[in-house]
Amino acid sequence: MFTKKLILAVSVSAILASQSANAVIGPIKITLNTEYRTSNPVIGDIATTIKLDKSEIRATGARTFTGLLQSIPSVSFEGGQGNLRALRLRGNEASHTLLLLDGHKVTITGSQPNLDVIPLDQIERIEISKGPFSSLYGPGAIGGVIHVFTDKDINSITSSKIDVSSGSKGTIKVNLNTYFKNENSYFDFAATDFHTDGIDALGNDLPVVNPFPASKQDWVNLAIQNNYQLKAARLRRDASKNSARSAASDHLPKLDIVGNVSKSETNQYRYDDLDTGGLIITVPSETERRSYGIQLSMPIFQGGAVNSRRKKAYADYDKSVEDTLFIERSVIQEVRSQYSNVITLVANVNAQEQAVVSATSALEATKVGYEVGTRNIVDLLQSEKNLYSAERNLANAKYDYILANLRLGLSAGNLEPENIADINNFLN
C-alpha cells in the first residue's frame, strides 16, 4: 500500500491590540471538600485549571501542537495528518470543548484548520479550564476551555525550520515551517509531506472487556499507591519536612568536637656555638602541633536570619503538602474519568460491531433488490458507503478503546512494557 499526503496551509491573522472578550474569573476559596465526601478542608484554589508556561511546554518534548495536546492530562483528540477532527476534555463531547487562540474561537467542525502551523516556540502559555467556570464562555464550553496565548512580547521575528522523521515500513515525514510576525500581523507557511508503504491494522481477535478490577474505587486505591507523579510528590513533601526540621534546629545549642593538626619544617636555623671553621650549617627542623577540644555554640541574634530561614522552610513544607494534595486529587479525578471512558468505549465497540452487522445485512438486501430490479445503482452504492462507514467507525472505536486502556494504566501506575507488546500482537 502506498499513501502520500501533501498538506499546505497558509494562515494570516491580525493580532488585535486589545482583548476584552474574555472574562477572567479568580479563584474561589472553599473550606469543605464535598467532591469526595470528606471533612478534610481544601486549602488553596479549586483544582480545575491546568497552566503550562514556555518551560513546561518545552519539557514535554512535543514538536507540534497536536503532539502537545496528547501530552496534557484529560485532553484527547481525533485526527490524522494535518487534520484535527475532534477535541475533547475529560471525555466530553467535542461540541462541549472550546478552543481559543488569543481570545478568538477556533472551530473544529466542517473544514478543520491545521493547528500544527502554530509554532510551539511562539506559545507563551496554555490554560485549560475544566471546572464549572468554563460555562461562562457559553454552551459550547460545558466540557471545558483550552486557551492558547501567543507571545505578545515578540514584536518582530522571522524563522524557518524543517523536521524530518522516519519509521518502519518506509514511513517518512518532512515538515517545513516558515513564519513571520510583527506588531500588527502574523504570517505562517507550513508544508508537510508524509509517505508510508503501509500500516498494521487491528485483527478481529482483539478482546474488548471491561477493566479489571471492576470497581472504580479499586482503581483509585491502586493509583494512590502506584502513581509515579504522586510518589514523586510525596518524596518532595518528605524532603521539605526534613528541611524544615533542619532549619528549626538552627536555634538550638550545638556541641562539636574540634581538632587541629599542623606540621612545619624549616632549614634556616644557625648554631653559633658550634665551631664549623667559618661555615654556616643549616639543620632541618620539624614542628608538629595537635590540639583537640569541645566547642559549644548557641546563636543568640543574627539579625533575624535564622528565624526567617525557619519560617521559609516551614512555608515550603506547607506548599509541598498542598501540592501533594492537589496531585492526589488530580490523579483520582483522572483515574475515575479514564475508567468511565473505558466502560463507555466498550459499549461503543459493541454498538459499532452491531452496526457493521446491520450494514452488511442491508447491503445484501440491497444487492438482491438490485438484481430483481427493485433497487437502483444509487441505492447499492449508498449501502456500500454505509458499510464502509460502519467499518471505519468500528476501527476508530477499537483504537480509542486501546488508548483509553493505556491511559487508565498510566494513571493507575501499573502500565508495563508487556501491555504494549500485547497490543502489538493483535496487529496484522
Protein backbone atom coordinates (compact mmCIF):
# COMPACT_ATOMS: atom_id res chain seq x y z
CA MET A 1 0.00 0.00 0.00
CA PHE A 2 1.28 3.43 -0.89
CA THR A 3 -0.01 6.52 0.81
CA LYS A 4 1.13 10.04 0.16
CA LYS A 5 -0.36 13.15 1.58
CA LEU A 6 0.65 16.75 0.99
CA ILE A 7 -0.63 19.39 3.33
CA LEU A 8 -0.22 23.06 2.56
CA ALA A 9 -1.52 25.61 4.98
CA VAL A 10 -1.17 29.37 5.00
CA SER A 11 -2.69 31.43 7.75
CA VAL A 12 -2.73 35.18 8.05
CA SER A 13 -4.33 36.75 11.08
CA ALA A 14 -4.32 40.19 12.61
CA ILE A 15 -3.36 40.43 16.24
CA LEU A 16 -5.68 42.88 17.93
CA ALA A 17 -4.23 45.46 20.23
CA SER A 18 -6.76 44.81 22.96
CA GLN A 19 -8.61 41.71 24.02
CA SER A 20 -11.77 42.34 26.02
CA ALA A 21 -13.97 39.39 25.06
CA ASN A 22 -12.77 37.00 27.75
CA ALA A 23 -13.88 37.20 31.34
CA VAL A 24 -11.23 36.47 33.96
CA ILE A 25 -12.54 34.66 37.00
CA GLY A 26 -10.37 34.50 40.09
CA PRO A 27 -10.02 31.51 42.41
CA ILE A 28 -12.73 30.81 44.96
CA LYS A 29 -11.79 29.57 48.42
CA ILE A 30 -13.80 26.72 49.88
CA THR A 31 -13.49 25.02 53.24
CA LEU A 32 -15.31 21.73 52.68
CA ASN A 33 -14.27 19.01 50.30
CA THR A 34 -17.70 17.99 49.01
CA GLU A 35 -16.31 16.26 45.93
CA TYR A 36 -15.02 13.24 47.82
CA ARG A 37 -17.43 13.48 50.76
CA THR A 38 -14.71 14.02 53.34
CA SER A 39 -14.31 16.59 56.10
CA ASN A 40 -10.75 17.49 55.10
CA PRO A 41 -10.56 21.19 54.26
CA VAL A 42 -9.48 22.32 50.83
CA ILE A 43 -6.73 24.90 51.25
CA GLY A 44 -5.94 26.90 48.13
CA ASP A 45 -7.55 27.22 44.72
CA ILE A 46 -10.03 24.79 43.26
CA ALA A 47 -8.09 22.29 41.15
CA THR A 48 -9.89 22.98 37.86
CA THR A 49 -7.21 24.75 35.82
CA ILE A 50 -4.04 23.44 34.20
CA LYS A 51 -1.45 26.03 33.20
CA LEU A 52 1.60 25.35 31.04
CA ASP A 53 4.25 28.02 30.53
CA LYS A 54 7.07 28.07 27.99
CA SER A 55 9.43 25.93 30.06
CA GLU A 56 6.76 23.29 30.77
CA ILE A 57 5.78 23.17 27.09
CA ARG A 58 9.42 22.68 26.16
CA ALA A 59 9.76 19.92 28.77
CA THR A 60 7.03 17.84 27.11
CA GLY A 61 9.30 17.26 24.10
CA ALA A 62 6.39 17.86 21.70
CA ARG A 63 7.22 19.21 18.25
CA THR A 64 3.69 20.01 17.09
CA PHE A 65 0.60 21.50 18.70
CA THR A 66 -1.37 18.27 18.40
CA GLY A 67 1.58 16.41 19.92
CA LEU A 68 1.46 18.86 22.82
CA LEU A 69 -2.26 18.18 23.31
CA GLN A 70 -1.54 14.46 23.58
CA SER A 71 0.83 15.08 26.49
CA ILE A 72 -1.74 17.03 28.57
CA PRO A 73 -3.87 15.00 31.00
CA SER A 74 -7.66 14.94 30.40
CA VAL A 75 -7.21 16.13 26.80
CA SER A 76 -7.93 13.80 23.90
CA PHE A 77 -8.40 14.41 20.21
CA GLU A 78 -9.15 12.62 16.99
CA GLY A 79 -7.44 13.39 13.76
CA GLY A 80 -4.93 12.43 11.15
CA GLN A 81 -2.11 14.15 9.37
CA GLY A 82 -2.81 17.89 9.40
CA ASN A 83 -6.41 17.34 10.47
CA LEU A 84 -8.00 17.80 13.90
CA ARG A 85 -11.47 16.26 13.74
CA ALA A 86 -12.48 16.39 17.40
CA LEU A 87 -11.08 17.86 20.61
CA ARG A 88 -12.33 16.64 23.97
CA LEU A 89 -11.82 17.42 27.64
CA ARG A 90 -12.41 14.72 30.28
CA GLY A 91 -14.22 12.52 27.74
CA ASN A 92 -16.93 15.10 26.97
CA GLU A 93 -18.38 15.65 23.55
CA ALA A 94 -16.26 17.60 21.10
CA SER A 95 -19.03 20.20 20.80
CA HIS A 96 -18.67 20.89 24.54
CA THR A 97 -14.98 21.82 24.32
CA LEU A 98 -13.99 25.36 23.33
CA LEU A 99 -10.60 26.15 21.80
CA LEU A 100 -9.45 29.78 21.94
CA LEU A 101 -6.40 31.30 20.29
CA ASP A 102 -5.60 34.70 21.84
CA GLY A 103 -9.28 35.08 22.72
CA HIS A 104 -10.60 34.07 19.28
CA LYS A 105 -12.70 30.93 18.89
CA VAL A 106 -11.24 28.17 16.73
CA THR A 107 -13.93 25.95 15.21
CA ILE A 108 -13.19 22.22 14.94
CA THR A 109 -16.17 21.38 12.74
CA GLY A 110 -16.63 21.31 8.98
CA SER A 111 -13.36 22.36 7.34
CA GLN A 112 -10.91 21.89 10.17
CA PRO A 113 -7.84 24.12 10.49
CA ASN A 114 -4.37 22.66 10.65
CA LEU A 115 -3.39 23.65 14.18
CA ASP A 116 0.12 22.27 13.71
CA VAL A 117 1.00 25.52 11.91
CA ILE A 118 1.06 27.18 15.35
CA PRO A 119 4.78 27.27 16.27
CA LEU A 120 5.30 25.99 19.79
CA ASP A 121 8.09 28.47 20.45
CA GLN A 122 5.59 31.32 19.95
CA ILE A 123 3.14 29.98 22.55
CA GLU A 124 3.54 31.91 25.78
CA ARG A 125 1.23 29.71 27.86
CA ILE A 126 -1.76 27.39 27.69
CA GLU A 127 -4.62 27.49 30.19
CA ILE A 128 -7.09 24.60 30.38
CA SER A 129 -10.24 25.26 32.43
CA LYS A 130 -12.23 22.13 33.14
CA GLY A 131 -14.35 23.25 36.07
CA PRO A 132 -17.77 24.91 36.33
CA PHE A 133 -16.31 28.31 35.45
CA SER A 134 -15.95 27.23 31.82
CA SER A 135 -19.73 27.52 31.39
CA LEU A 136 -19.29 31.31 31.46
CA TYR A 137 -17.89 31.09 27.93
CA GLY A 138 -21.18 29.77 26.56
CA PRO A 139 -22.94 26.47 25.91
CA GLY A 140 -20.05 25.31 23.71
CA ALA A 141 -17.74 25.19 26.74
CA ILE A 142 -19.63 22.85 29.04
CA GLY A 143 -16.81 20.33 28.94
CA GLY A 144 -14.03 22.89 29.27
CA VAL A 145 -11.94 25.60 27.63
CA ILE A 146 -8.47 25.35 26.10
CA HIS A 147 -6.98 28.83 25.76
CA VAL A 148 -3.72 29.32 23.86
CA PHE A 149 -1.83 32.58 24.39
CA THR A 150 0.87 33.57 21.92
CA ASP A 151 3.91 35.57 22.96
CA LYS A 152 2.99 39.25 22.68
CA ASP A 153 6.47 40.40 23.70
CA ILE A 154 7.87 39.38 20.32
CA ASN A 155 7.50 42.48 18.15
CA SER A 156 9.18 41.16 15.03
CA ILE A 157 10.54 37.73 14.25
CA THR A 158 11.25 35.65 11.14
CA SER A 159 12.16 32.00 11.42
CA SER A 160 12.25 28.80 9.38
CA LYS A 161 12.71 25.19 10.43
CA ILE A 162 12.49 21.73 8.96
CA ASP A 163 11.77 18.46 10.78
CA VAL A 164 12.41 15.03 9.30
CA SER A 165 11.23 11.82 10.97
CA SER A 166 11.17 8.23 9.80
CA GLY A 167 9.78 4.89 10.93
CA SER A 168 9.12 1.33 9.92
CA LYS A 169 7.54 0.28 6.60
CA GLY A 170 9.25 3.12 4.76
CA THR A 171 7.47 5.83 6.73
CA ILE A 172 8.97 9.29 6.20
CA LYS A 173 7.54 12.62 7.31
CA VAL A 174 9.01 16.01 6.40
CA ASN A 175 7.72 19.26 7.92
CA LEU A 176 8.72 22.68 6.60
CA ASN A 177 7.59 25.72 8.57
CA THR A 178 8.32 29.40 7.95
CA TYR A 179 6.70 32.21 9.87
CA PHE A 180 6.91 35.95 10.18
CA LYS A 181 5.47 38.17 12.89
CA ASN A 182 5.49 41.88 13.61
CA GLU A 183 3.41 44.19 15.76
CA ASN A 184 0.33 44.13 13.51
CA SER A 185 0.30 40.89 11.56
CA TYR A 186 1.28 37.27 11.56
CA PHE A 187 2.11 35.06 8.58
CA ASP A 188 2.76 31.34 8.70
CA PHE A 189 3.59 28.92 5.89
CA ALA A 190 3.69 25.18 6.56
CA ALA A 191 4.16 22.25 4.19
CA THR A 192 4.09 18.58 5.20
CA ASP A 193 4.93 15.53 3.11
CA PHE A 194 4.00 12.13 4.54
CA HIS A 195 4.84 8.82 2.89
CA THR A 196 4.39 5.26 4.08
CA ASP A 197 4.37 1.84 2.45
CA GLY A 198 1.67 0.58 4.79
CA ILE A 199 0.40 0.39 8.34
CA ASP A 200 -0.54 -2.50 10.57
CA ALA A 201 -4.25 -2.94 11.21
CA LEU A 202 -6.01 -4.46 14.17
CA GLY A 203 -7.22 -8.02 13.84
CA ASN A 204 -10.66 -9.29 14.75
CA ASP A 205 -9.39 -11.12 17.84
CA LEU A 206 -8.95 -8.01 19.97
CA PRO A 207 -10.63 -8.68 23.35
CA VAL A 208 -12.90 -5.80 24.31
CA VAL A 209 -13.72 -6.22 28.00
CA ASN A 210 -14.38 -4.00 30.97
CA PRO A 211 -11.41 -3.03 33.18
CA PHE A 212 -10.27 -5.41 35.87
CA PRO A 213 -10.67 -4.92 38.78
CA ALA A 214 -14.27 -4.00 38.06
CA SER A 215 -14.62 -1.47 40.88
CA LYS A 216 -13.75 2.16 40.23
CA GLN A 217 -12.66 2.59 43.84
CA ASP A 218 -10.18 -0.29 43.46
CA TRP A 219 -8.57 1.59 40.57
CA VAL A 220 -8.45 4.74 42.69
CA ASN A 221 -6.74 2.86 45.53
CA LEU A 222 -4.28 1.36 43.05
CA ALA A 223 -3.45 4.80 41.67
CA ILE A 224 -2.94 6.27 45.15
CA GLN A 225 -0.34 3.58 45.83
CA ASN A 226 1.42 3.32 42.44
CA ASN A 227 1.02 6.58 40.51
CA TYR A 228 4.53 7.88 39.85
CA GLN A 229 3.61 11.56 39.91
CA LEU A 230 2.02 11.05 43.30
CA LYS A 231 5.05 9.12 44.55
CA ALA A 232 7.36 11.92 43.45
CA ALA A 233 5.13 14.50 45.17
CA ARG A 234 5.24 12.53 48.41
CA LEU A 235 9.03 12.31 48.27
CA ARG A 236 9.23 16.08 47.74
CA ARG A 237 6.91 16.55 50.70
CA ASP A 238 9.10 14.37 52.94
CA ALA A 239 12.22 16.20 51.80
CA SER A 240 10.60 19.54 52.61
CA LYS A 241 9.62 18.25 56.03
CA ASN A 242 13.21 17.23 56.79
CA SER A 243 14.47 20.58 55.55
CA ALA A 244 12.01 22.37 57.85
CA ARG A 245 13.19 20.31 60.82
CA SER A 246 16.79 21.12 59.99
CA ALA A 247 16.04 24.84 59.77
CA ALA A 248 14.20 24.73 63.10
CA SER A 249 17.26 23.23 64.81
CA ASP A 250 19.37 26.30 63.99
CA HIS A 251 18.11 27.89 67.23
CA LEU A 252 19.38 25.02 69.36
CA PRO A 253 22.82 24.87 71.02
CA LYS A 254 25.45 22.92 69.13
CA LEU A 255 28.17 20.84 70.72
CA ASP A 256 31.05 19.99 68.41
CA ILE A 257 34.34 18.14 68.84
CA VAL A 258 37.03 20.09 67.06
CA GLY A 259 40.61 19.13 66.35
CA ASN A 260 43.56 20.65 64.57
CA VAL A 261 46.88 19.18 63.39
CA SER A 262 49.64 21.33 61.91
CA LYS A 263 53.17 20.49 60.73
CA SER A 264 56.01 22.84 59.80
CA GLU A 265 59.58 22.32 58.55
CA THR A 266 62.43 24.82 58.22
CA ASN A 267 66.10 24.73 57.17
CA GLN A 268 67.07 28.25 58.28
CA TYR A 269 68.42 27.60 61.79
CA ARG A 270 72.08 28.65 62.59
CA TYR A 271 74.05 27.23 65.51
CA ASP A 272 76.65 29.89 66.59
CA ASP A 273 78.10 27.81 69.43
CA LEU A 274 79.36 25.17 67.02
CA ASP A 275 82.85 25.59 65.55
CA THR A 276 82.42 24.96 61.85
CA GLY A 277 85.51 26.76 60.59
CA GLY A 278 83.52 29.72 59.28
CA LEU A 279 80.94 27.61 57.50
CA ILE A 280 77.20 28.13 58.07
CA ILE A 281 75.41 24.87 58.69
CA THR A 282 71.64 24.69 58.45
CA VAL A 283 69.92 21.93 60.32
CA PRO A 284 66.36 20.89 59.31
CA SER A 285 63.74 21.45 61.95
CA GLU A 286 60.25 19.92 62.05
CA THR A 287 57.44 21.05 64.30
CA GLU A 288 54.08 19.33 64.79
CA ARG A 289 51.21 20.75 66.80
CA ARG A 290 47.98 19.00 67.72
CA SER A 291 45.01 20.47 69.52
CA TYR A 292 41.64 18.97 70.47
CA GLY A 293 38.67 20.48 72.18
CA ILE A 294 34.93 20.62 72.70
CA GLN A 295 33.12 23.62 71.27
CA LEU A 296 29.69 24.78 72.44
CA SER A 297 27.88 27.38 70.33
CA MET A 298 24.44 28.87 70.61
CA PRO A 299 23.02 31.52 68.23
CA ILE A 300 21.67 34.49 70.13
CA PHE A 301 20.89 37.01 67.41
CA GLN A 302 21.79 37.09 63.71
CA GLY A 303 19.61 39.90 62.51
CA GLY A 304 16.56 37.63 62.14
CA ALA A 305 18.20 35.41 59.51
CA VAL A 306 17.73 32.18 61.48
CA ASN A 307 14.09 32.90 62.18
CA SER A 308 13.47 33.86 58.54
CA ARG A 309 15.04 30.66 57.25
CA ARG A 310 12.92 28.63 59.63
CA LYS A 311 9.72 30.36 58.51
CA LYS A 312 10.61 29.92 54.86
CA ALA A 313 11.35 26.22 55.34
CA TYR A 314 8.01 25.61 57.04
CA ALA A 315 6.21 27.62 54.35
CA ASP A 316 7.87 25.46 51.70
CA TYR A 317 6.74 22.39 53.60
CA ASP A 318 3.15 23.65 53.73
CA LYS A 319 3.32 24.28 49.99
CA SER A 320 4.60 20.77 49.31
CA VAL A 321 1.75 19.33 51.40
CA GLU A 322 -0.82 21.25 49.37
CA ASP A 323 0.91 20.32 46.11
CA THR A 324 0.73 16.67 47.11
CA LEU A 325 -2.94 17.04 47.94
CA PHE A 326 -3.57 18.72 44.59
CA ILE A 327 -1.76 15.97 42.67
CA GLU A 328 -3.60 13.26 44.60
CA ARG A 329 -6.97 14.78 43.76
CA SER A 330 -5.94 15.24 40.13
CA VAL A 331 -4.87 11.59 39.95
CA ILE A 332 -8.16 10.45 41.50
CA GLN A 333 -10.11 12.57 39.05
CA GLU A 334 -8.07 11.29 36.10
CA VAL A 335 -8.47 7.63 37.10
CA ARG A 336 -12.23 7.98 37.54
CA SER A 337 -12.54 9.76 34.21
CA GLN A 338 -10.44 7.19 32.34
CA TYR A 339 -12.28 4.29 33.98
CA SER A 340 -15.63 5.69 32.90
CA ASN A 341 -14.18 6.35 29.45
CA VAL A 342 -13.13 2.69 29.07
CA ILE A 343 -16.59 1.49 30.14
CA THR A 344 -18.18 3.82 27.59
CA LEU A 345 -15.84 2.72 24.81
CA VAL A 346 -16.54 -0.97 25.50
CA ALA A 347 -20.21 -0.28 24.91
CA ASN A 348 -19.31 1.80 21.87
CA VAL A 349 -17.29 -1.03 20.30
CA ASN A 350 -20.15 -3.46 20.86
CA ALA A 351 -22.57 -0.99 19.30
CA GLN A 352 -20.30 -0.44 16.28
CA GLU A 353 -19.98 -4.19 15.78
CA GLN A 354 -23.75 -4.45 15.63
CA ALA A 355 -23.79 -1.51 13.23
CA VAL A 356 -21.42 -3.41 10.91
CA VAL A 357 -23.67 -6.47 11.06
CA SER A 358 -26.69 -4.32 10.28
CA ALA A 359 -24.94 -2.53 7.41
CA THR A 360 -23.79 -5.88 5.98
CA SER A 361 -27.36 -7.24 6.05
CA ALA A 362 -28.65 -4.06 4.46
CA LEU A 363 -26.07 -4.33 1.67
CA GLU A 364 -27.01 -7.92 0.96
CA ALA A 365 -30.69 -6.99 0.84
CA THR A 366 -29.90 -4.09 -1.50
CA LYS A 367 -27.91 -6.39 -3.79
CA VAL A 368 -30.89 -8.77 -4.00
CA GLY A 369 -33.19 -5.86 -4.72
CA TYR A 370 -30.83 -4.58 -7.39
CA GLU A 371 -30.73 -7.98 -9.07
CA VAL A 372 -34.50 -8.25 -9.20
CA GLY A 373 -34.88 -4.62 -10.30
CA THR A 374 -36.48 -3.06 -7.21
CA ARG A 375 -33.31 -1.10 -6.29
CA ASN A 376 -31.11 1.05 -8.48
CA ILE A 377 -27.35 1.53 -8.60
CA VAL A 378 -27.52 4.60 -6.35
CA ASP A 379 -29.13 2.56 -3.57
CA LEU A 380 -26.43 -0.07 -3.95
CA LEU A 381 -23.62 2.46 -3.77
CA GLN A 382 -25.21 4.10 -0.74
CA SER A 383 -25.42 0.73 1.04
CA GLU A 384 -21.76 0.05 0.31
CA LYS A 385 -20.87 3.50 1.62
CA ASN A 386 -22.82 2.84 4.81
CA LEU A 387 -20.96 -0.45 5.32
CA TYR A 388 -17.55 1.17 4.85
CA SER A 389 -18.52 3.96 7.25
CA ALA A 390 -19.62 1.41 9.86
CA GLU A 391 -16.33 -0.49 9.48
CA ARG A 392 -14.38 2.74 9.81
CA ASN A 393 -16.31 3.70 12.95
CA LEU A 394 -15.65 0.24 14.40
CA ALA A 395 -11.91 0.57 13.75
CA ASN A 396 -11.85 4.04 15.36
CA ALA A 397 -13.78 2.70 18.37
CA LYS A 398 -11.24 -0.11 18.82
CA TYR A 399 -8.29 2.27 18.64
CA ASP A 400 -9.96 4.61 21.13
CA TYR A 401 -10.55 1.64 23.43
CA ILE A 402 -6.85 0.69 23.28
CA LEU A 403 -5.71 4.24 24.01
CA ALA A 404 -8.20 4.59 26.87
CA ASN A 405 -6.88 1.39 28.45
CA LEU A 406 -3.31 2.66 28.19
CA ARG A 407 -4.27 6.00 29.74
CA LEU A 408 -6.07 4.20 32.57
CA GLY A 409 -2.99 2.05 33.24
CA LEU A 410 -0.76 5.12 33.14
CA SER A 411 -2.95 6.96 35.64
CA ALA A 412 -3.09 3.93 37.93
CA GLY A 413 0.68 3.41 37.74
CA ASN A 414 0.52 -0.21 36.52
CA LEU A 415 1.40 0.33 32.86
CA GLU A 416 4.12 -2.11 31.82
CA PRO A 417 6.07 -2.74 28.58
CA GLU A 418 4.19 -6.03 28.31
CA ASN A 419 0.98 -4.06 27.70
CA ILE A 420 2.49 -2.53 24.55
CA ALA A 421 3.75 -5.95 23.44
CA ASP A 422 0.27 -7.45 23.87
CA ILE A 423 -1.24 -4.72 21.69
CA ASN A 424 1.42 -5.30 19.07
CA ASN A 425 0.48 -8.98 18.93
CA PHE A 426 -3.06 -8.05 17.91
CA LEU A 427 -1.81 -6.13 14.85
CA ASN A 428 -1.83 -7.83 11.45
